[in-house]
Amino acid sequence: MIHSLDLPQRIIYGNGSIESLGTELKKIGEKFLLLTGEHSLKKSGVLDKILEDIKKHKLNVILITGIPPEPSLEIVRQLCDNIVGNNFDGIIGIGGGSVMDMAKIIAFRIKTKANLLEYKGKEIEEALPIIAIPTTAGTGSEATKFAVITDKEKKDKFILLGKALIPTLSIIDPELTFTMSPLVTASTGIDAFSHALESYLSRNSTCMIECYSRSALVDIYNFLPKSVLENSTYAKERMAYAAFWAGIAINNTKTTLVHAMSRPLGGIYNIPHGIANGILLPSYLRFNAPFIPDEKLKFLKNLFNGDPAEKMEDFLKTLNLPTRINQVTSQPLDLELLVKRTLEAKFNVENNLRPVREEDIYYLFQEVM
């Protein structure tokens, strides 16, 4: 069988690599839209340095700050209504997954003027060049063809996807992640762990992609606790790269049942994505265990030094992350709606190693309530 490996066109990495941004942008064009989050980049002083570098290279950059977590259709519309002109050479996203995803969505929207809702489940083929620079170590958006967006009216979190959304340029500067709080470090890190694990146990996994997913699993398991509990900068550096490897892994295999189930938990109950993934992982491992090939199961048992499902729960507790839904929301769960939304993520469900029935999803949600 013939496979292809989809990667960002250019990858710059290393401590201090953000200093190359101006030089790299000049290779792409002259006019850019720059999106950032709400506070941290400005507070750390990094944003001022970036803007100085941009000015030095005589680039025309429009800055939009305050991109909130969990981008929504409404925010996309507001941004696009306020952006004057469409002659940008690229869209830059510097921040967590929400900021990078928003950069991808804006790059698509400005290029095509398309109705985003019409592209649910469709391949996106056109977008402006995207420059993705993560300030967290988890989402892997700097490596992927995916962007997550929420329809708040319907409480529906869905994916836009297409090779046009793979960044033209990714800059992985671990130093940008050093100011993350322990909670953000843990929740984004467990998101990356979920990416690596789901890719490893995906129906689309290949020996090439396993190099990325296995490496990410080993480093995240070893270095995430030190990042969270010891605030180790070396551990955070390793996490920045592991999250990128996990992003490459899911970019080429897609995710599985965990992400199909976690998206409605986020869309309906506003449970942060990484935390929702973590809650689901032990049950996911138990559910899939009888279908995991012997060599892969052996690897996981060696990694966890024991039963993967049991040790996964211990891992979450070590990171001070919740293991049940009732620890993060007091709202009564609408199981019918959760299952319906999970089944709508057809390519995730069908990509799961063990065939998934509707009643299986009910049981798995009940197990983690």
Protein backbone atom coordinates (compact mmCIF):
# COMPACT_ATOMS: atom_id res chain seq x y z
CA MET A 1 0.00 0.00 0.00
CA ILE A 2 1.23 3.51 -0.86
CA HIS A 3 1.25 6.19 1.84
CA SER A 4 2.25 9.85 2.00
CA LEU A 5 3.73 11.78 4.92
CA ASP A 6 2.09 15.18 5.36
CA LEU A 7 4.23 17.76 7.17
CA PRO A 8 4.45 21.56 7.40
CA GLN A 9 6.41 22.94 4.45
CA ARG A 10 9.10 24.46 6.68
CA ILE A 11 9.89 23.71 10.33
CA ILE A 12 12.12 25.95 12.46
CA TYR A 13 12.85 24.79 16.00
CA GLY A 14 15.03 25.35 19.04
CA ASN A 15 15.21 27.69 22.01
CA GLY A 16 15.14 31.26 20.74
CA SER A 17 13.93 30.26 17.27
CA ILE A 18 11.15 32.87 17.46
CA GLU A 19 13.92 35.38 16.62
CA SER A 20 13.90 34.01 13.07
CA LEU A 21 10.27 35.01 12.47
CA GLY A 22 10.95 38.26 10.59
CA THR A 23 13.50 36.63 8.32
CA GLU A 24 11.19 33.72 7.58
CA LEU A 25 8.18 35.97 6.90
CA LYS A 26 10.17 37.92 4.29
CA LYS A 27 10.47 34.66 2.34
CA ILE A 28 6.68 34.37 2.24
CA GLY A 29 5.56 37.95 1.60
CA GLU A 30 5.17 41.46 2.99
CA LYS A 31 1.68 41.77 4.51
CA PHE A 32 0.37 39.56 7.30
CA LEU A 33 -2.37 39.28 9.88
CA LEU A 34 -1.02 38.31 13.31
CA LEU A 35 -3.34 36.65 15.85
CA THR A 36 -2.43 36.16 19.51
CA GLY A 37 -4.20 35.19 22.72
CA GLU A 38 -5.49 37.30 25.54
CA HIS A 39 -2.60 38.06 27.90
CA SER A 40 0.43 35.81 28.27
CA LEU A 41 2.42 36.79 25.17
CA LYS A 42 2.15 40.48 26.05
CA LYS A 43 2.81 39.91 29.74
CA SER A 44 5.98 37.91 29.06
CA GLY A 45 7.39 40.65 26.81
CA VAL A 46 7.66 38.26 23.86
CA LEU A 47 5.04 40.11 21.82
CA ASP A 48 7.00 43.36 22.01
CA LYS A 49 10.14 41.59 20.78
CA ILE A 50 8.21 40.03 17.91
CA LEU A 51 6.78 43.39 16.88
CA GLU A 52 10.27 44.95 17.00
CA ASP A 53 11.58 42.17 14.76
CA ILE A 54 8.69 42.68 12.33
CA LYS A 55 9.36 46.43 12.24
CA LYS A 56 13.08 45.82 11.61
CA HIS A 57 12.21 43.70 8.57
CA LYS A 58 9.80 46.39 7.30
CA LEU A 59 6.82 44.05 7.23
CA ASN A 60 3.22 45.24 7.15
CA VAL A 61 1.53 43.35 9.95
CA ILE A 62 -1.95 43.90 11.41
CA LEU A 63 -2.11 42.68 15.01
CA ILE A 64 -5.26 41.20 16.53
CA THR A 65 -4.98 40.26 20.21
CA GLY A 66 -7.42 38.66 22.61
CA ILE A 67 -8.29 35.51 20.67
CA PRO A 68 -10.20 33.52 23.33
CA PRO A 69 -10.04 29.79 24.06
CA GLU A 70 -12.37 27.59 22.02
CA PRO A 71 -12.89 29.71 18.86
CA SER A 72 -16.48 30.03 17.72
CA LEU A 73 -18.29 30.77 14.47
CA GLU A 74 -19.45 34.07 15.92
CA ILE A 75 -15.89 35.23 16.64
CA VAL A 76 -14.77 34.24 13.15
CA ARG A 77 -17.58 36.31 11.66
CA GLN A 78 -16.74 39.29 13.87
CA LEU A 79 -13.06 39.14 12.96
CA CYS A 80 -13.68 38.78 9.24
CA ASP A 81 -16.19 41.65 9.28
CA ASN A 82 -13.57 43.92 10.86
CA ILE A 83 -10.62 42.94 8.67
CA VAL A 84 -10.14 45.47 5.89
CA GLY A 85 -8.95 44.04 2.58
CA ASN A 86 -7.93 40.55 1.68
CA ASN A 87 -4.52 41.04 0.14
CA PHE A 88 -2.62 39.30 2.93
CA ASP A 89 0.37 37.11 2.14
CA GLY A 90 -0.29 34.94 5.16
CA ILE A 91 -1.93 34.57 8.57
CA ILE A 92 0.20 34.14 11.69
CA GLY A 93 -1.08 32.41 14.82
CA ILE A 94 1.10 32.68 17.94
CA GLY A 95 -0.49 31.03 20.96
CA GLY A 96 -2.20 27.86 22.07
CA GLY A 97 -4.25 25.58 19.88
CA SER A 98 -7.21 27.96 19.78
CA VAL A 99 -5.09 30.78 18.35
CA MET A 100 -3.41 28.55 15.76
CA ASP A 101 -6.76 27.02 14.78
CA MET A 102 -8.24 30.50 14.42
CA ALA A 103 -5.34 31.48 12.15
CA LYS A 104 -6.12 28.47 9.95
CA ILE A 105 -9.83 29.27 9.84
CA ILE A 106 -9.21 32.93 9.01
CA ALA A 107 -6.70 31.90 6.32
CA PHE A 108 -9.40 29.75 4.74
CA ARG A 109 -12.21 32.26 5.22
CA ILE A 110 -10.34 35.26 3.78
CA LYS A 111 -9.13 33.24 0.80
CA THR A 112 -12.49 31.70 -0.12
CA LYS A 113 -15.28 33.70 1.61
CA ALA A 114 -16.84 30.30 2.25
CA ASN A 115 -19.57 29.46 4.74
CA LEU A 116 -17.75 27.39 7.37
CA LEU A 117 -20.79 25.25 8.16
CA GLU A 118 -20.84 24.03 4.57
CA TYR A 119 -17.36 22.57 5.03
CA LYS A 120 -18.15 20.18 7.87
CA GLY A 121 -16.75 16.87 6.63
CA LYS A 122 -15.43 18.36 3.39
CA GLU A 123 -11.79 18.69 2.32
CA ILE A 124 -10.54 22.27 2.38
CA GLU A 125 -8.40 22.87 -0.69
CA GLU A 126 -7.63 26.60 -0.48
CA ALA A 127 -6.24 28.87 2.22
CA LEU A 128 -3.71 31.64 2.59
CA PRO A 129 -0.25 30.59 3.87
CA ILE A 130 -0.38 29.81 7.59
CA ILE A 131 2.41 30.49 10.07
CA ALA A 132 1.87 28.54 13.31
CA ILE A 133 3.87 29.19 16.49
CA PRO A 134 2.76 27.33 19.64
CA THR A 135 3.05 28.74 23.15
CA THR A 136 1.69 25.54 24.72
CA ALA A 137 2.85 21.95 24.34
CA GLY A 138 -0.16 19.89 23.49
CA THR A 139 -2.53 20.60 20.62
CA GLY A 140 -0.08 19.89 17.79
CA SER A 141 -1.97 22.36 15.60
CA GLU A 142 1.40 23.60 14.32
CA ALA A 143 1.71 20.23 12.53
CA THR A 144 -1.82 19.40 11.42
CA LYS A 145 -4.45 19.91 8.75
CA PHE A 146 -7.18 20.27 11.39
CA ALA A 147 -8.89 23.25 13.01
CA VAL A 148 -11.55 22.93 15.70
CA ILE A 149 -14.41 25.42 15.92
CA THR A 150 -17.55 25.68 18.03
CA ASP A 151 -21.08 26.46 16.92
CA LYS A 152 -22.26 27.96 20.22
CA GLU A 153 -25.87 28.18 19.08
CA LYS A 154 -26.01 24.40 18.63
CA LYS A 155 -23.35 23.67 21.29
CA ASP A 156 -21.52 21.72 18.62
CA LYS A 157 -17.73 21.53 18.39
CA PHE A 158 -16.61 20.32 14.97
CA ILE A 159 -13.53 19.99 12.79
CA LEU A 160 -12.51 21.70 9.60
CA LEU A 161 -9.83 19.81 7.73
CA GLY A 162 -7.77 19.82 4.58
CA LYS A 163 -4.15 19.86 3.47
CA ALA A 164 -4.48 23.59 2.78
CA LEU A 165 -4.61 24.03 6.58
CA ILE A 166 -1.19 22.46 7.17
CA PRO A 167 1.08 25.36 8.13
CA THR A 168 3.43 26.74 5.53
CA LEU A 169 5.81 27.55 8.38
CA SER A 170 5.93 26.15 11.91
CA ILE A 171 8.25 27.60 14.52
CA ILE A 172 8.68 25.47 17.66
CA ASP A 173 10.43 27.56 20.27
CA PRO A 174 10.20 25.69 23.60
CA GLU A 175 10.99 28.86 25.54
CA LEU A 176 7.56 30.22 24.59
CA THR A 177 6.00 27.40 26.66
CA PHE A 178 8.03 27.96 29.83
CA THR A 179 5.50 30.33 31.43
CA MET A 180 2.57 27.89 31.27
CA SER A 181 0.81 27.27 34.58
CA PRO A 182 0.89 23.73 36.02
CA LEU A 183 -2.77 23.18 35.03
CA VAL A 184 -2.26 24.33 31.44
CA THR A 185 0.96 22.30 31.22
CA ALA A 186 -0.87 19.19 32.44
CA SER A 187 -4.05 19.56 30.37
CA THR A 188 -2.29 20.41 27.10
CA GLY A 189 0.30 17.72 27.74
CA ILE A 190 -2.34 15.05 28.24
CA ASP A 191 -3.96 16.21 24.98
CA ALA A 192 -0.65 15.48 23.23
CA PHE A 193 -0.47 12.11 24.99
CA SER A 194 -3.95 11.32 23.71
CA HIS A 195 -2.89 12.26 20.18
CA ALA A 196 0.12 9.95 20.33
CA LEU A 197 -1.82 7.07 21.87
CA GLU A 198 -4.78 7.31 19.50
CA SER A 199 -2.47 7.53 16.50
CA TYR A 200 -0.53 4.49 17.74
CA LEU A 201 -3.78 2.54 18.10
CA SER A 202 -5.36 3.90 14.93
CA ARG A 203 -6.46 1.72 12.04
CA ASN A 204 -4.37 4.04 9.86
CA SER A 205 -1.15 3.62 11.83
CA THR A 206 1.93 2.66 9.80
CA CYS A 207 5.53 1.87 10.73
CA MET A 208 6.56 5.35 9.59
CA ILE A 209 4.00 7.13 11.78
CA GLU A 210 4.71 4.83 14.72
CA CYS A 211 8.16 6.42 14.91
CA TYR A 212 6.46 9.68 15.81
CA SER A 213 3.70 8.31 18.04
CA ARG A 214 5.98 6.02 20.06
CA SER A 215 8.59 8.73 20.55
CA ALA A 216 5.90 11.14 21.71
CA LEU A 217 4.42 8.60 24.12
CA VAL A 218 7.78 7.88 25.73
CA ASP A 219 8.77 11.52 26.14
CA ILE A 220 5.39 12.72 27.38
CA TYR A 221 5.12 9.91 29.93
CA ASN A 222 8.61 10.65 31.20
CA PHE A 223 8.71 14.45 31.01
CA LEU A 224 5.16 15.71 31.56
CA PRO A 225 5.22 15.02 35.34
CA LYS A 226 8.52 16.90 35.65
CA SER A 227 7.06 19.77 33.64
CA VAL A 228 4.01 19.98 35.90
CA LEU A 229 5.39 19.15 39.33
CA GLU A 230 8.97 20.45 39.08
CA ASN A 231 8.55 23.24 36.51
CA SER A 232 11.63 21.80 34.76
CA THR A 233 12.57 23.87 31.71
CA TYR A 234 14.40 20.90 30.18
CA ALA A 235 11.28 18.76 30.59
CA LYS A 236 9.17 21.53 29.01
CA GLU A 237 11.60 21.67 26.10
CA ARG A 238 11.17 17.95 25.51
CA MET A 239 7.40 18.34 25.79
CA ALA A 240 7.36 21.02 23.07
CA TYR A 241 8.93 18.59 20.63
CA ALA A 242 6.87 15.60 21.79
CA ALA A 243 3.64 17.57 21.22
CA PHE A 244 4.84 18.36 17.70
CA TRP A 245 5.63 14.68 17.01
CA ALA A 246 2.17 13.74 18.29
CA GLY A 247 0.70 16.37 15.96
CA ILE A 248 2.52 14.84 13.01
CA ALA A 249 1.21 11.44 14.07
CA ILE A 250 -2.47 12.43 14.11
CA ASN A 251 -2.04 14.52 10.97
CA ASN A 252 -1.26 11.30 9.14
CA THR A 253 -3.56 8.83 10.92
CA LYS A 254 -6.34 11.01 12.42
CA THR A 255 -7.60 10.46 15.95
CA THR A 256 -10.06 7.81 17.15
CA LEU A 257 -12.83 7.29 19.67
CA VAL A 258 -11.40 9.51 22.43
CA HIS A 259 -11.63 12.65 20.30
CA ALA A 260 -15.03 11.67 18.95
CA MET A 261 -16.28 11.55 22.56
CA SER A 262 -14.35 14.50 23.96
CA ARG A 263 -15.51 17.07 21.40
CA PRO A 264 -19.17 16.96 22.52
CA LEU A 265 -18.03 17.16 26.15
CA GLY A 266 -16.32 20.41 25.21
CA GLY A 267 -19.04 21.71 22.93
CA ILE A 268 -21.97 21.01 25.25
CA TYR A 269 -20.43 21.30 28.73
CA ASN A 270 -17.39 23.53 28.08
CA ILE A 271 -14.99 20.93 29.49
CA PRO A 272 -11.46 21.85 28.34
CA HIS A 273 -10.34 19.59 25.54
CA GLY A 274 -7.23 18.09 27.13
CA ILE A 275 -9.04 17.41 30.40
CA ALA A 276 -11.91 15.70 28.55
CA ASN A 277 -9.44 13.51 26.65
CA GLY A 278 -7.67 12.54 29.86
CA ILE A 279 -10.89 11.50 31.58
CA LEU A 280 -11.70 9.18 28.67
CA LEU A 281 -8.27 7.56 28.21
CA PRO A 282 -8.40 4.79 30.89
CA SER A 283 -11.77 3.51 29.66
CA TYR A 284 -10.60 3.82 26.05
CA LEU A 285 -7.60 1.60 26.84
CA ARG A 286 -9.76 -0.99 28.60
CA PHE A 287 -12.25 -1.01 25.73
CA ASN A 288 -9.59 -1.49 23.06
CA ALA A 289 -7.30 -3.88 24.98
CA PRO A 290 -8.59 -7.12 23.40
CA PHE A 291 -7.92 -5.69 19.92
CA ILE A 292 -4.45 -4.22 20.49
CA PRO A 293 -1.80 -6.22 18.58
CA ASP A 294 0.60 -8.11 20.85
CA GLU A 295 3.67 -6.02 20.00
CA LYS A 296 1.83 -2.77 20.61
CA LEU A 297 0.35 -4.04 23.86
CA LYS A 298 3.81 -5.13 24.99
CA PHE A 299 5.17 -1.66 24.24
CA LEU A 300 2.39 0.00 26.25
CA LYS A 301 2.83 -2.36 29.21
CA ASN A 302 6.55 -1.59 29.23
CA LEU A 303 5.90 2.14 28.94
CA PHE A 304 3.41 2.18 31.82
CA ASN A 305 5.21 -0.55 33.78
CA GLY A 306 1.91 -2.33 34.28
CA ASP A 307 -1.65 -2.52 33.02
CA PRO A 308 -2.09 0.45 30.63
CA ALA A 309 -5.64 1.37 31.71
CA GLU A 310 -4.88 1.26 35.45
CA LYS A 311 -1.58 3.11 35.06
CA MET A 312 -3.22 5.72 32.84
CA GLU A 313 -5.55 6.61 35.69
CA ASP A 314 -2.57 6.82 38.06
CA PHE A 315 -0.82 9.08 35.53
CA LEU A 316 -3.77 11.50 35.55
CA LYS A 317 -3.80 11.59 39.35
CA THR A 318 -0.06 12.28 39.41
CA LEU A 319 -0.71 15.29 37.18
CA ASN A 320 -3.57 16.47 39.44
CA LEU A 321 -6.06 16.01 36.60
CA PRO A 322 -9.63 14.75 37.04
CA THR A 323 -10.61 11.19 36.20
CA ARG A 324 -14.40 11.61 36.17
CA ILE A 325 -16.75 14.04 34.40
CA ASN A 326 -18.54 14.95 37.65
CA GLN A 327 -15.26 16.45 38.88
CA VAL A 328 -15.40 19.16 36.21
CA THR A 329 -19.11 19.85 35.69
CA SER A 330 -22.20 19.72 37.88
CA GLN A 331 -24.54 19.78 34.89
CA PRO A 332 -26.64 16.64 34.30
CA LEU A 333 -25.33 14.77 31.28
CA ASP A 334 -27.55 14.30 28.24
CA LEU A 335 -26.30 10.86 27.20
CA GLU A 336 -28.53 10.73 24.14
CA LEU A 337 -27.02 13.95 22.79
CA LEU A 338 -23.45 12.94 23.71
CA VAL A 339 -23.78 9.65 21.88
CA LYS A 340 -25.43 11.30 18.87
CA ARG A 341 -22.63 13.87 18.57
CA THR A 342 -19.98 11.17 19.01
CA LEU A 343 -21.43 9.11 16.17
CA GLU A 344 -21.42 12.21 13.95
CA ALA A 345 -17.60 12.14 14.15
CA LYS A 346 -17.75 9.24 11.74
CA PHE A 347 -14.12 9.17 10.61
CA ASN A 348 -12.91 9.14 14.25
CA VAL A 349 -15.25 6.33 15.24
CA GLU A 350 -14.45 4.23 12.19
CA ASN A 351 -10.72 4.79 12.75
CA ASN A 352 -10.89 3.12 16.16
CA LEU A 353 -9.02 -0.17 16.50
CA ARG A 354 -12.01 -1.97 17.98
CA PRO A 355 -15.30 -1.67 16.06
CA VAL A 356 -17.62 0.70 17.95
CA ARG A 357 -21.34 0.16 18.45
CA GLU A 358 -23.76 2.79 19.67
CA GLU A 359 -24.25 0.93 22.96
CA ASP A 360 -20.48 0.90 23.50
CA ILE A 361 -20.44 4.69 23.52
CA TYR A 362 -23.27 4.78 26.08
CA TYR A 363 -21.33 2.41 28.31
CA LEU A 364 -18.07 4.33 28.00
CA PHE A 365 -19.71 7.65 28.93
CA GLN A 366 -21.46 6.01 31.88
CA GLU A 367 -18.16 4.53 33.04
CA VAL A 368 -16.52 7.97 33.35
CA MET A 369 -19.48 9.90 34.79
